[in-house]
């Protein structure tokens, strides 16, 4: 499988993305679970173009520091780049930043494993 290219996605923080809305706190700021989902989306965007027919990837490990809060209305850029590969295992360096200020909002690593989608689901 070829080496994954870096991926960058941008999201706007809405009321539905807040800690209060996703159940991870009571404040009207970007909730960590939503931020993690956005970071995982960036890792999927890296791998997607390279996946063989019938394959997908699943997240297996997340190690992320959520460093700063983001209010509703903020634009958040998330990025992922390949840090390590071993067969089906892919580890990505991930980060998030506020697009207006450039402030780093989160940083860490996410690991994904490439699996055959049908075989994976048949084991459930």
PDB file of N, CA and C in Angstrom:
ATOM      1  N   UNK A   1       0.854  -1.178   0.000  1.00  0.00           N
ATOM      2  CA  UNK A   1       0.000   0.000   0.000  1.00  0.00           C
ATOM      3  C   UNK A   1       0.897   1.238   0.000  1.00  0.00           C
ATOM      4  N   UNK A   2       0.607   2.226  -0.844  1.00  0.00           N
ATOM      5  CA  UNK A   2       1.413   3.450  -0.881  1.00  0.00           C
ATOM      6  C   UNK A   2       1.330   4.222   0.440  1.00  0.00           C
ATOM      7  N   UNK A   3       2.240   5.144   0.615  1.00  0.00           N
ATOM      8  CA  UNK A   3       2.309   5.973   1.821  1.00  0.00           C
ATOM      9  C   UNK A   3       1.152   6.980   1.819  1.00  0.00           C
ATOM     10  N   UNK A   4       0.393   7.089   2.936  1.00  0.00           N
ATOM     11  CA  UNK A   4      -0.722   8.054   2.984  1.00  0.00           C
ATOM     12  C   UNK A   4      -0.231   9.500   2.899  1.00  0.00           C
ATOM     13  N   UNK A   5      -0.928  10.308   2.126  1.00  0.00           N
ATOM     14  CA  UNK A   5      -0.641  11.741   2.052  1.00  0.00           C
ATOM     15  C   UNK A   5      -1.301  12.444   3.236  1.00  0.00           C
ATOM     16  N   UNK A   6      -0.726  13.550   3.723  1.00  0.00           N
ATOM     17  CA  UNK A   6      -1.365  14.305   4.805  1.00  0.00           C
ATOM     18  C   UNK A   6      -2.756  14.793   4.380  1.00  0.00           C
ATOM     19  N   UNK A   7      -3.625  14.991   5.344  1.00  0.00           N
ATOM     20  CA  UNK A   7      -4.976  15.491   5.065  1.00  0.00           C
ATOM     21  C   UNK A   7      -5.309  16.608   6.042  1.00  0.00           C
ATOM     22  N   UNK A   8      -6.026  17.605   5.552  1.00  0.00           N
ATOM     23  CA  UNK A   8      -6.475  18.722   6.378  1.00  0.00           C
ATOM     24  C   UNK A   8      -7.947  18.975   6.079  1.00  0.00           C
ATOM     25  N   UNK A   9      -8.736  19.091   7.127  1.00  0.00           N
ATOM     26  CA  UNK A   9     -10.170  19.367   7.020  1.00  0.00           C
ATOM     27  C   UNK A   9     -10.483  20.573   7.903  1.00  0.00           C
ATOM     28  N   UNK A  10     -11.512  21.329   7.549  1.00  0.00           N
ATOM     29  CA  UNK A  10     -11.918  22.476   8.350  1.00  0.00           C
ATOM     30  C   UNK A  10     -13.383  22.335   8.738  1.00  0.00           C
ATOM     31  N   UNK A  11     -13.663  22.612   9.997  1.00  0.00           N
ATOM     32  CA  UNK A  11     -15.022  22.527  10.528  1.00  0.00           C
ATOM     33  C   UNK A  11     -15.369  23.820  11.258  1.00  0.00           C
ATOM     34  N   UNK A  12     -16.645  24.178  11.264  1.00  0.00           N
ATOM     35  CA  UNK A  12     -17.133  25.316  12.050  1.00  0.00           C
ATOM     36  C   UNK A  12     -17.808  24.770  13.297  1.00  0.00           C
ATOM     37  N   UNK A  13     -17.473  25.314  14.439  1.00  0.00           N
ATOM     38  CA  UNK A  13     -18.075  24.886  15.705  1.00  0.00           C
ATOM     39  C   UNK A  13     -19.510  25.424  15.763  1.00  0.00           C
ATOM     40  N   UNK A  14     -20.465  24.493  15.931  1.00  0.00           N
ATOM     41  CA  UNK A  14     -21.874  24.877  16.058  1.00  0.00           C
ATOM     42  C   UNK A  14     -22.375  24.497  17.452  1.00  0.00           C
ATOM     43  N   UNK A  15     -23.599  24.874  17.751  1.00  0.00           N
ATOM     44  CA  UNK A  15     -24.203  24.509  19.037  1.00  0.00           C
ATOM     45  C   UNK A  15     -24.211  22.998  19.238  1.00  0.00           C
ATOM     46  N   UNK A  16     -24.352  22.234  18.142  1.00  0.00           N
ATOM     47  CA  UNK A  16     -24.389  20.774  18.229  1.00  0.00           C
ATOM     48  C   UNK A  16     -23.036  20.160  18.562  1.00  0.00           C
ATOM     49  N   UNK A  17     -21.968  20.933  18.465  1.00  0.00           N
ATOM     50  CA  UNK A  17     -20.607  20.437  18.708  1.00  0.00           C
ATOM     51  C   UNK A  17     -20.098  20.742  20.117  1.00  0.00           C
ATOM     52  N   UNK A  18     -20.901  21.429  20.913  1.00  0.00           N
ATOM     53  CA  UNK A  18     -20.429  21.875  22.226  1.00  0.00           C
ATOM     54  C   UNK A  18     -20.392  20.731  23.246  1.00  0.00           C
ATOM     55  N   UNK A  19     -19.599  20.952  24.271  1.00  0.00           N
ATOM     56  CA  UNK A  19     -19.519  19.978  25.363  1.00  0.00           C
ATOM     57  C   UNK A  19     -20.909  19.724  25.949  1.00  0.00           C
ATOM     58  N   UNK A  20     -21.690  20.789  26.082  1.00  0.00           N
ATOM     59  CA  UNK A  20     -23.045  20.647  26.626  1.00  0.00           C
ATOM     60  C   UNK A  20     -23.896  19.747  25.726  1.00  0.00           C
ATOM     61  N   UNK A  21     -23.759  19.893  24.418  1.00  0.00           N
ATOM     62  CA  UNK A  21     -24.578  19.113  23.479  1.00  0.00           C
ATOM     63  C   UNK A  21     -24.145  17.661  23.383  1.00  0.00           C
ATOM     64  N   UNK A  22     -22.844  17.390  23.481  1.00  0.00           N
ATOM     65  CA  UNK A  22     -22.372  16.008  23.302  1.00  0.00           C
ATOM     66  C   UNK A  22     -22.207  15.262  24.626  1.00  0.00           C
ATOM     67  N   UNK A  23     -22.533  15.923  25.743  1.00  0.00           N
ATOM     68  CA  UNK A  23     -22.536  15.239  27.030  1.00  0.00           C
ATOM     69  C   UNK A  23     -21.173  15.109  27.690  1.00  0.00           C
ATOM     70  N   UNK A  24     -20.234  15.985  27.317  1.00  0.00           N
ATOM     71  CA  UNK A  24     -18.895  15.894  27.918  1.00  0.00           C
ATOM     72  C   UNK A  24     -18.579  17.097  28.794  1.00  0.00           C
ATOM     73  N   UNK A  25     -19.619  17.744  29.276  1.00  0.00           N
ATOM     74  CA  UNK A  25     -19.443  18.915  30.133  1.00  0.00           C
ATOM     75  C   UNK A  25     -20.653  19.806  30.008  1.00  0.00           C
ATOM     76  N   UNK A  26     -20.553  20.980  30.603  1.00  0.00           N
ATOM     77  CA  UNK A  26     -21.717  21.864  30.613  1.00  0.00           C
ATOM     78  C   UNK A  26     -21.478  23.177  29.874  1.00  0.00           C
ATOM     79  N   UNK A  27     -20.278  23.372  29.327  1.00  0.00           N
ATOM     80  CA  UNK A  27     -19.965  24.658  28.718  1.00  0.00           C
ATOM     81  C   UNK A  27     -20.267  24.692  27.218  1.00  0.00           C
ATOM     82  N   UNK A  28     -20.572  25.884  26.697  1.00  0.00           N
ATOM     83  CA  UNK A  28     -20.863  26.042  25.271  1.00  0.00           C
ATOM     84  C   UNK A  28     -19.589  26.231  24.446  1.00  0.00           C
ATOM     85  N   UNK A  29     -18.656  25.284  24.563  1.00  0.00           N
ATOM     86  CA  UNK A  29     -17.411  25.293  23.799  1.00  0.00           C
ATOM     87  C   UNK A  29     -17.263  23.935  23.115  1.00  0.00           C
ATOM     88  N   UNK A  30     -16.378  23.846  22.125  1.00  0.00           N
ATOM     89  CA  UNK A  30     -16.169  22.603  21.398  1.00  0.00           C
ATOM     90  C   UNK A  30     -15.897  21.451  22.361  1.00  0.00           C
ATOM     91  N   UNK A  31     -16.719  20.411  22.274  1.00  0.00           N
ATOM     92  CA  UNK A  31     -16.566  19.242  23.138  1.00  0.00           C
ATOM     93  C   UNK A  31     -15.456  18.338  22.634  1.00  0.00           C
ATOM     94  N   UNK A  32     -14.723  17.752  23.562  1.00  0.00           N
ATOM     95  CA  UNK A  32     -13.618  16.864  23.197  1.00  0.00           C
ATOM     96  C   UNK A  32     -14.069  15.693  22.326  1.00  0.00           C
ATOM     97  N   UNK A  33     -15.228  15.054  22.605  1.00  0.00           N
ATOM     98  CA  UNK A  33     -15.647  13.954  21.723  1.00  0.00           C
ATOM     99  C   UNK A  33     -15.822  14.394  20.264  1.00  0.00           C
ATOM    100  N   UNK A  34     -16.353  15.596  20.042  1.00  0.00           N
ATOM    101  CA  UNK A  34     -16.532  16.089  18.672  1.00  0.00           C
ATOM    102  C   UNK A  34     -15.166  16.377  18.043  1.00  0.00           C
ATOM    103  N   UNK A  35     -14.270  16.977  18.820  1.00  0.00           N
ATOM    104  CA  UNK A  35     -12.920  17.248  18.321  1.00  0.00           C
ATOM    105  C   UNK A  35     -12.221  15.946  17.925  1.00  0.00           C
ATOM    106  N   UNK A  36     -12.361  14.906  18.747  1.00  0.00           N
ATOM    107  CA  UNK A  36     -11.769  13.606  18.421  1.00  0.00           C
ATOM    108  C   UNK A  36     -12.356  13.044  17.129  1.00  0.00           C
ATOM    109  N   UNK A  37     -13.659  13.197  16.955  1.00  0.00           N
ATOM    110  CA  UNK A  37     -14.305  12.711  15.727  1.00  0.00           C
ATOM    111  C   UNK A  37     -13.733  13.448  14.512  1.00  0.00           C
ATOM    112  N   UNK A  38     -13.518  14.751  14.633  1.00  0.00           N
ATOM    113  CA  UNK A  38     -12.950  15.517  13.531  1.00  0.00           C
ATOM    114  C   UNK A  38     -11.513  15.076  13.240  1.00  0.00           C
ATOM    115  N   UNK A  39     -10.734  14.822  14.283  1.00  0.00           N
ATOM    116  CA  UNK A  39      -9.360  14.356  14.095  1.00  0.00           C
ATOM    117  C   UNK A  39      -9.351  12.979  13.427  1.00  0.00           C
ATOM    118  N   UNK A  40     -10.269  12.101  13.854  1.00  0.00           N
ATOM    119  CA  UNK A  40     -10.363  10.787  13.224  1.00  0.00           C
ATOM    120  C   UNK A  40     -10.775  10.919  11.757  1.00  0.00           C
ATOM    121  N   UNK A  41     -11.644  11.873  11.456  1.00  0.00           N
ATOM    122  CA  UNK A  41     -12.049  12.093  10.065  1.00  0.00           C
ATOM    123  C   UNK A  41     -10.837  12.457   9.209  1.00  0.00           C
ATOM    124  N   UNK A  42      -9.902  13.212   9.773  1.00  0.00           N
ATOM    125  CA  UNK A  42      -8.685  13.562   9.030  1.00  0.00           C
ATOM    126  C   UNK A  42      -7.828  12.319   8.777  1.00  0.00           C
ATOM    127  N   UNK A  43      -7.754  11.404   9.764  1.00  0.00           N
ATOM    128  CA  UNK A  43      -6.974  10.178   9.541  1.00  0.00           C
ATOM    129  C   UNK A  43      -7.645   9.317   8.479  1.00  0.00           C
ATOM    130  N   UNK A  44      -8.969   9.265   8.476  1.00  0.00           N
ATOM    131  CA  UNK A  44      -9.704   8.515   7.451  1.00  0.00           C
ATOM    132  C   UNK A  44      -9.453   9.123   6.073  1.00  0.00           C
ATOM    133  N   UNK A  45      -9.410  10.439   5.998  1.00  0.00           N
ATOM    134  CA  UNK A  45      -9.154  11.106   4.723  1.00  0.00           C
ATOM    135  C   UNK A  45      -7.763  10.762   4.192  1.00  0.00           C
ATOM    136  N   UNK A  46      -6.805  10.541   5.080  1.00  0.00           N
ATOM    137  CA  UNK A  46      -5.462  10.121   4.658  1.00  0.00           C
ATOM    138  C   UNK A  46      -5.488   8.729   4.043  1.00  0.00           C
ATOM    139  N   UNK A  47      -6.195   7.817   4.694  1.00  0.00           N
ATOM    140  CA  UNK A  47      -6.177   6.412   4.287  1.00  0.00           C
ATOM    141  C   UNK A  47      -7.124   6.074   3.149  1.00  0.00           C
ATOM    142  N   UNK A  48      -8.258   6.740   3.114  1.00  0.00           N
ATOM    143  CA  UNK A  48      -9.336   6.394   2.169  1.00  0.00           C
ATOM    144  C   UNK A  48      -8.865   6.182   0.732  1.00  0.00           C
ATOM    145  N   UNK A  49      -8.068   7.083   0.163  1.00  0.00           N
ATOM    146  CA  UNK A  49      -7.689   6.908  -1.244  1.00  0.00           C
ATOM    147  C   UNK A  49      -6.819   5.672  -1.496  1.00  0.00           C
ATOM    148  N   UNK A  50      -6.255   5.099  -0.454  1.00  0.00           N
ATOM    149  CA  UNK A  50      -5.319   3.988  -0.604  1.00  0.00           C
ATOM    150  C   UNK A  50      -5.927   2.625  -0.306  1.00  0.00           C
ATOM    151  N   UNK A  51      -7.150   2.606   0.216  1.00  0.00           N
ATOM    152  CA  UNK A  51      -7.742   1.345   0.669  1.00  0.00           C
ATOM    153  C   UNK A  51      -8.122   0.448  -0.493  1.00  0.00           C
ATOM    154  N   UNK A  52      -7.764  -0.838  -0.392  1.00  0.00           N
ATOM    155  CA  UNK A  52      -8.206  -1.799  -1.415  1.00  0.00           C
ATOM    156  C   UNK A  52      -9.732  -1.926  -1.398  1.00  0.00           C
ATOM    157  N   UNK A  53     -10.305  -2.344  -2.503  1.00  0.00           N
ATOM    158  CA  UNK A  53     -11.751  -2.569  -2.610  1.00  0.00           C
ATOM    159  C   UNK A  53     -12.225  -3.474  -1.466  1.00  0.00           C
ATOM    160  N   UNK A  54     -13.309  -3.073  -0.793  1.00  0.00           N
ATOM    161  CA  UNK A  54     -13.878  -3.878   0.287  1.00  0.00           C
ATOM    162  C   UNK A  54     -13.220  -3.650   1.636  1.00  0.00           C
ATOM    163  N   UNK A  55     -12.206  -2.795   1.681  1.00  0.00           N
ATOM    164  CA  UNK A  55     -11.514  -2.524   2.944  1.00  0.00           C
ATOM    165  C   UNK A  55     -11.954  -1.199   3.535  1.00  0.00           C
ATOM    166  N   UNK A  56     -11.755  -1.077   4.824  1.00  0.00           N
ATOM    167  CA  UNK A  56     -11.970   0.178   5.538  1.00  0.00           C
ATOM    168  C   UNK A  56     -10.927   0.215   6.640  1.00  0.00           C
ATOM    169  N   UNK A  57     -10.980   1.253   7.456  1.00  0.00           N
ATOM    170  CA  UNK A  57     -10.061   1.296   8.593  1.00  0.00           C
ATOM    171  C   UNK A  57     -10.852   1.550   9.860  1.00  0.00           C
ATOM    172  N   UNK A  58     -10.327   1.042  10.965  1.00  0.00           N
ATOM    173  CA  UNK A  58     -10.964   1.230  12.272  1.00  0.00           C
ATOM    174  C   UNK A  58      -9.949   1.854  13.214  1.00  0.00           C
ATOM    175  N   UNK A  59     -10.442   2.743  14.058  1.00  0.00           N
ATOM    176  CA  UNK A  59      -9.579   3.369  15.057  1.00  0.00           C
ATOM    177  C   UNK A  59      -9.319   2.389  16.188  1.00  0.00           C
ATOM    178  N   UNK A  60      -8.062   2.314  16.626  1.00  0.00           N
ATOM    179  CA  UNK A  60      -7.714   1.385  17.705  1.00  0.00           C
ATOM    180  C   UNK A  60      -7.056   2.066  18.894  1.00  0.00           C
ATOM    181  N   UNK A  61      -6.526   3.284  18.702  1.00  0.00           N
ATOM    182  CA  UNK A  61      -5.856   3.960  19.810  1.00  0.00           C
ATOM    183  C   UNK A  61      -5.889   5.460  19.558  1.00  0.00           C
ATOM    184  N   UNK A  62      -6.215   6.206  20.611  1.00  0.00           N
ATOM    185  CA  UNK A  62      -6.237   7.661  20.543  1.00  0.00           C
ATOM    186  C   UNK A  62      -5.454   8.201  21.729  1.00  0.00           C
ATOM    187  N   UNK A  63      -4.522   9.089  21.439  1.00  0.00           N
ATOM    188  CA  UNK A  63      -3.778   9.777  22.487  1.00  0.00           C
ATOM    189  C   UNK A  63      -3.700  11.246  22.077  1.00  0.00           C
ATOM    190  N   UNK A  64      -4.614  12.058  22.624  1.00  0.00           N
ATOM    191  CA  UNK A  64      -4.737  13.449  22.210  1.00  0.00           C
ATOM    192  C   UNK A  64      -4.860  14.348  23.426  1.00  0.00           C
ATOM    193  N   UNK A  65      -4.151  15.455  23.388  1.00  0.00           N
ATOM    194  CA  UNK A  65      -4.316  16.498  24.404  1.00  0.00           C
ATOM    195  C   UNK A  65      -5.185  17.601  23.813  1.00  0.00           C
ATOM    196  N   UNK A  66      -6.279  17.922  24.499  1.00  0.00           N
ATOM    197  CA  UNK A  66      -7.152  19.034  24.107  1.00  0.00           C
ATOM    198  C   UNK A  66      -6.647  20.236  24.898  1.00  0.00           C
ATOM    199  N   UNK A  67      -5.963  21.147  24.222  1.00  0.00           N
ATOM    200  CA  UNK A  67      -5.169  22.185  24.881  1.00  0.00           C
ATOM    201  C   UNK A  67      -5.877  23.514  25.088  1.00  0.00           C
ATOM    202  N   UNK A  68      -6.881  23.814  24.269  1.00  0.00           N
ATOM    203  CA  UNK A  68      -7.535  25.123  24.363  1.00  0.00           C
ATOM    204  C   UNK A  68      -8.987  25.005  23.927  1.00  0.00           C
ATOM    205  N   UNK A  69      -9.823  25.883  24.458  1.00  0.00           N
ATOM    206  CA  UNK A  69     -11.253  25.885  24.159  1.00  0.00           C
ATOM    207  C   UNK A  69     -11.539  26.643  22.862  1.00  0.00           C
ATOM    208  N   UNK A  70     -12.644  26.260  22.221  1.00  0.00           N
ATOM    209  CA  UNK A  70     -13.094  26.920  20.985  1.00  0.00           C
ATOM    210  C   UNK A  70     -14.568  27.266  21.131  1.00  0.00           C
ATOM    211  N   UNK A  71     -14.915  28.535  20.934  1.00  0.00           N
ATOM    212  CA  UNK A  71     -16.318  28.933  21.064  1.00  0.00           C
ATOM    213  C   UNK A  71     -17.136  28.570  19.832  1.00  0.00           C
ATOM    214  N   UNK A  72     -18.444  28.595  19.980  1.00  0.00           N
ATOM    215  CA  UNK A  72     -19.344  28.438  18.842  1.00  0.00           C
ATOM    216  C   UNK A  72     -19.001  29.534  17.833  1.00  0.00           C
ATOM    217  N   UNK A  73     -18.938  29.141  16.565  1.00  0.00           N
ATOM    218  CA  UNK A  73     -18.600  30.082  15.504  1.00  0.00           C
ATOM    219  C   UNK A  73     -17.146  30.003  15.061  1.00  0.00           C
ATOM    220  N   UNK A  74     -16.296  29.407  15.896  1.00  0.00           N
ATOM    221  CA  UNK A  74     -14.880  29.289  15.538  1.00  0.00           C
ATOM    222  C   UNK A  74     -14.704  28.307  14.381  1.00  0.00           C
ATOM    223  N   UNK A  75     -13.716  28.560  13.542  1.00  0.00           N
ATOM    224  CA  UNK A  75     -13.343  27.621  12.477  1.00  0.00           C
ATOM    225  C   UNK A  75     -12.124  26.853  12.974  1.00  0.00           C
ATOM    226  N   UNK A  76     -12.214  25.531  12.904  1.00  0.00           N
ATOM    227  CA  UNK A  76     -11.159  24.650  13.407  1.00  0.00           C
ATOM    228  C   UNK A  76     -10.614  23.819  12.247  1.00  0.00           C
ATOM    229  N   UNK A  77      -9.297  23.896  12.059  1.00  0.00           N
ATOM    230  CA  UNK A  77      -8.634  23.102  11.035  1.00  0.00           C
ATOM    231  C   UNK A  77      -7.972  21.912  11.706  1.00  0.00           C
ATOM    232  N   UNK A  78      -8.313  20.704  11.255  1.00  0.00           N
ATOM    233  CA  UNK A  78      -7.710  19.488  11.799  1.00  0.00           C
ATOM    234  C   UNK A  78      -6.831  18.870  10.719  1.00  0.00           C
ATOM    235  N   UNK A  79      -5.712  18.318  11.141  1.00  0.00           N
ATOM    236  CA  UNK A  79      -4.822  17.702  10.154  1.00  0.00           C
ATOM    237  C   UNK A  79      -4.265  16.400  10.696  1.00  0.00           C
ATOM    238  N   UNK A  80      -3.927  15.524   9.759  1.00  0.00           N
ATOM    239  CA  UNK A  80      -3.338  14.229  10.097  1.00  0.00           C
ATOM    240  C   UNK A  80      -2.239  13.936   9.085  1.00  0.00           C
ATOM    241  N   UNK A  81      -1.138  13.384   9.583  1.00  0.00           N
ATOM    242  CA  UNK A  81      -0.073  12.937   8.684  1.00  0.00           C
ATOM    243  C   UNK A  81       0.488  11.629   9.215  1.00  0.00           C
ATOM    244  N   UNK A  82       0.921  10.797   8.285  1.00  0.00           N
ATOM    245  CA  UNK A  82       1.421   9.472   8.632  1.00  0.00           C
ATOM    246  C   UNK A  82       2.704   9.584   9.443  1.00  0.00           C
ATOM    247  N   UNK A  83       2.739   8.891  10.588  1.00  0.00           N
ATOM    248  CA  UNK A  83       3.925   8.894  11.440  1.00  0.00           C
ATOM    249  C   UNK A  83       4.607   7.535  11.450  1.00  0.00           C
ATOM    250  N   UNK A  84       3.832   6.461  11.207  1.00  0.00           N
ATOM    251  CA  UNK A  84       4.374   5.103  11.292  1.00  0.00           C
ATOM    252  C   UNK A  84       3.437   4.155  10.568  1.00  0.00           C
ATOM    253  N   UNK A  85       4.010   3.192   9.858  1.00  0.00           N
ATOM    254  CA  UNK A  85       3.215   2.175   9.177  1.00  0.00           C
ATOM    255  C   UNK A  85       3.856   0.815   9.399  1.00  0.00           C
ATOM    256  N   UNK A  86       3.009  -0.185   9.636  1.00  0.00           N
ATOM    257  CA  UNK A  86       3.493  -1.562   9.749  1.00  0.00           C
ATOM    258  C   UNK A  86       2.380  -2.467   9.240  1.00  0.00           C
ATOM    259  N   UNK A  87       2.460  -2.824   7.968  1.00  0.00           N
ATOM    260  CA  UNK A  87       1.406  -3.645   7.372  1.00  0.00           C
ATOM    261  C   UNK A  87       0.082  -2.912   7.370  1.00  0.00           C
ATOM    262  N   UNK A  88      -0.899  -3.485   8.088  1.00  0.00           N
ATOM    263  CA  UNK A  88      -2.243  -2.890   8.136  1.00  0.00           C
ATOM    264  C   UNK A  88      -2.358  -1.770   9.169  1.00  0.00           C
ATOM    265  N   UNK A  89      -1.361  -1.620  10.046  1.00  0.00           N
ATOM    266  CA  UNK A  89      -1.404  -0.620  11.111  1.00  0.00           C
ATOM    267  C   UNK A  89      -0.833   0.708  10.621  1.00  0.00           C
ATOM    268  N   UNK A  90      -1.573   1.776  10.900  1.00  0.00           N
ATOM    269  CA  UNK A  90      -1.148   3.124  10.512  1.00  0.00           C
ATOM    270  C   UNK A  90      -1.300   4.057  11.708  1.00  0.00           C
ATOM    271  N   UNK A  91      -0.212   4.704  12.100  1.00  0.00           N
ATOM    272  CA  UNK A  91      -0.253   5.677  13.189  1.00  0.00           C
ATOM    273  C   UNK A  91      -0.093   7.070  12.590  1.00  0.00           C
ATOM    274  N   UNK A  92      -0.956   7.969  13.020  1.00  0.00           N
ATOM    275  CA  UNK A  92      -0.971   9.332  12.500  1.00  0.00           C
ATOM    276  C   UNK A  92      -0.674  10.347  13.600  1.00  0.00           C
ATOM    277  N   UNK A  93       0.075  11.368  13.248  1.00  0.00           N
ATOM    278  CA  UNK A  93       0.207  12.550  14.083  1.00  0.00           C
ATOM    279  C   UNK A  93      -0.960  13.452  13.709  1.00  0.00           C
ATOM    280  N   UNK A  94      -1.699  13.908  14.731  1.00  0.00           N
ATOM    281  CA  UNK A  94      -2.871  14.750  14.476  1.00  0.00           C
ATOM    282  C   UNK A  94      -2.752  16.059  15.235  1.00  0.00           C
ATOM    283  N   UNK A  95      -3.389  17.091  14.698  1.00  0.00           N
ATOM    284  CA  UNK A  95      -3.425  18.369  15.396  1.00  0.00           C
ATOM    285  C   UNK A  95      -4.658  19.142  14.964  1.00  0.00           C
ATOM    286  N   UNK A  96      -5.025  20.105  15.791  1.00  0.00           N
ATOM    287  CA  UNK A  96      -6.143  21.000  15.478  1.00  0.00           C
ATOM    288  C   UNK A  96      -5.696  22.409  15.835  1.00  0.00           C
ATOM    289  N   UNK A  97      -6.121  23.360  15.015  1.00  0.00           N
ATOM    290  CA  UNK A  97      -5.789  24.747  15.309  1.00  0.00           C
ATOM    291  C   UNK A  97      -6.954  25.645  14.940  1.00  0.00           C
ATOM    292  N   UNK A  98      -7.023  26.778  15.612  1.00  0.00           N
ATOM    293  CA  UNK A  98      -8.015  27.802  15.303  1.00  0.00           C
ATOM    294  C   UNK A  98      -7.546  28.508  14.039  1.00  0.00           C
ATOM    295  N   UNK A  99      -8.388  28.557  13.011  1.00  0.00           N
ATOM    296  CA  UNK A  99      -7.934  29.121  11.741  1.00  0.00           C
ATOM    297  C   UNK A  99      -7.716  30.629  11.819  1.00  0.00           C
ATOM    298  N   UNK A 100      -8.457  31.324  12.697  1.00  0.00           N
ATOM    299  CA  UNK A 100      -8.313  32.779  12.794  1.00  0.00           C
ATOM    300  C   UNK A 100      -7.016  33.173  13.499  1.00  0.00           C
ATOM    301  N   UNK A 101      -6.735  32.531  14.636  1.00  0.00           N
ATOM    302  CA  UNK A 101      -5.574  32.931  15.442  1.00  0.00           C
ATOM    303  C   UNK A 101      -4.345  32.066  15.191  1.00  0.00           C
ATOM    304  N   UNK A 102      -4.557  30.869  14.627  1.00  0.00           N
ATOM    305  CA  UNK A 102      -3.447  29.936  14.450  1.00  0.00           C
ATOM    306  C   UNK A 102      -3.106  29.175  15.715  1.00  0.00           C
ATOM    307  N   UNK A 103      -3.840  29.437  16.793  1.00  0.00           N
ATOM    308  CA  UNK A 103      -3.577  28.787  18.080  1.00  0.00           C
ATOM    309  C   UNK A 103      -3.792  27.279  17.989  1.00  0.00           C
ATOM    310  N   UNK A 104      -2.855  26.512  18.548  1.00  0.00           N
ATOM    311  CA  UNK A 104      -2.991  25.057  18.571  1.00  0.00           C
ATOM    312  C   UNK A 104      -4.027  24.675  19.621  1.00  0.00           C
ATOM    313  N   UNK A 105      -5.030  23.912  19.205  1.00  0.00           N
ATOM    314  CA  UNK A 105      -6.126  23.511  20.083  1.00  0.00           C
ATOM    315  C   UNK A 105      -5.948  22.088  20.612  1.00  0.00           C
ATOM    316  N   UNK A 106      -5.278  21.251  19.821  1.00  0.00           N
ATOM    317  CA  UNK A 106      -5.090  19.860  20.211  1.00  0.00           C
ATOM    318  C   UNK A 106      -3.918  19.274  19.438  1.00  0.00           C
ATOM    319  N   UNK A 107      -3.308  18.250  20.040  1.00  0.00           N
ATOM    320  CA  UNK A 107      -2.198  17.551  19.382  1.00  0.00           C
ATOM    321  C   UNK A 107      -2.117  16.145  19.936  1.00  0.00           C
ATOM    322  N   UNK A 108      -1.683  15.206  19.086  1.00  0.00           N
ATOM    323  CA  UNK A 108      -1.524  13.844  19.568  1.00  0.00           C
ATOM    324  C   UNK A 108      -1.344  12.849  18.451  1.00  0.00           C
ATOM    325  N   UNK A 109      -1.751  11.600  18.729  1.00  0.00           N
ATOM    326  CA  UNK A 109      -1.619  10.500  17.779  1.00  0.00           C
ATOM    327  C   UNK A 109      -2.890   9.667  17.757  1.00  0.00           C
ATOM    328  N   UNK A 110      -3.224   9.173  16.580  1.00  0.00           N
ATOM    329  CA  UNK A 110      -4.345   8.251  16.412  1.00  0.00           C
ATOM    330  C   UNK A 110      -3.855   7.078  15.578  1.00  0.00           C
ATOM    331  N   UNK A 111      -4.178   5.856  16.021  1.00  0.00           N
ATOM    332  CA  UNK A 111      -3.797   4.647  15.295  1.00  0.00           C
ATOM    333  C   UNK A 111      -5.037   4.025  14.667  1.00  0.00           C
ATOM    334  N   UNK A 112      -4.898   3.616  13.404  1.00  0.00           N
ATOM    335  CA  UNK A 112      -5.968   2.933  12.679  1.00  0.00           C
ATOM    336  C   UNK A 112      -5.415   1.643  12.107  1.00  0.00           C
ATOM    337  N   UNK A 113      -6.296   0.650  11.925  1.00  0.00           N
ATOM    338  CA  UNK A 113      -5.929  -0.625  11.322  1.00  0.00           C
ATOM    339  C   UNK A 113      -6.850  -0.863  10.133  1.00  0.00           C
ATOM    340  N   UNK A 114      -6.263  -1.241   9.011  1.00  0.00           N
ATOM    341  CA  UNK A 114      -7.037  -1.552   7.805  1.00  0.00           C
ATOM    342  C   UNK A 114      -7.621  -2.955   7.954  1.00  0.00           C
ATOM    343  N   UNK A 115      -8.926  -3.059   7.687  1.00  0.00           N
ATOM    344  CA  UNK A 115      -9.633  -4.339   7.819  1.00  0.00           C
ATOM    345  C   UNK A 115     -10.521  -4.568   6.598  1.00  0.00           C
ATOM    346  N   UNK A 116     -10.853  -5.826   6.361  1.00  0.00           N
ATOM    347  CA  UNK A 116     -11.859  -6.176   5.367  1.00  0.00           C
ATOM    348  C   UNK A 116     -13.218  -5.896   6.016  1.00  0.00           C
ATOM    349  N   UNK A 117     -14.007  -5.015   5.431  1.00  0.00           N
ATOM    350  CA  UNK A 117     -15.254  -4.562   6.047  1.00  0.00           C
ATOM    351  C   UNK A 117     -16.223  -5.709   6.322  1.00  0.00           C
ATOM    352  N   UNK A 118     -16.444  -6.578   5.334  1.00  0.00           N
ATOM    353  CA  UNK A 118     -17.389  -7.685   5.503  1.00  0.00           C
ATOM    354  C   UNK A 118     -16.940  -8.652   6.596  1.00  0.00           C
ATOM    355  N   UNK A 119     -15.671  -9.012   6.567  1.00  0.00           N
ATOM    356  CA  UNK A 119     -15.126  -9.947   7.563  1.00  0.00           C
ATOM    357  C   UNK A 119     -15.207  -9.339   8.964  1.00  0.00           C
ATOM    358  N   UNK A 120     -14.900  -8.048   9.065  1.00  0.00           N
ATOM    359  CA  UNK A 120     -14.955  -7.359  10.352  1.00  0.00           C
ATOM    360  C   UNK A 120     -16.385  -7.406  10.920  1.00  0.00           C
ATOM    361  N   UNK A 121     -17.354  -7.055  10.090  1.00  0.00           N
ATOM    362  CA  UNK A 121     -18.748  -7.035  10.549  1.00  0.00           C
ATOM    363  C   UNK A 121     -19.285  -8.423  10.847  1.00  0.00           C
ATOM    364  N   UNK A 122     -18.791  -9.440  10.154  1.00  0.00           N
ATOM    365  CA  UNK A 122     -19.286 -10.804  10.380  1.00  0.00           C
ATOM    366  C   UNK A 122     -18.862 -11.344  11.745  1.00  0.00           C
ATOM    367  N   UNK A 123     -17.868 -10.732  12.357  1.00  0.00           N
ATOM    368  CA  UNK A 123     -17.372 -11.177  13.670  1.00  0.00           C
ATOM    369  C   UNK A 123     -18.138 -10.565  14.838  1.00  0.00           C
ATOM    370  N   UNK A 124     -19.028  -9.652  14.538  1.00  0.00           N
ATOM    371  CA  UNK A 124     -19.754  -8.974  15.630  1.00  0.00           C
ATOM    372  C   UNK A 124     -20.862  -9.853  16.184  1.00  0.00           C
TER     373      UNK A 124
END
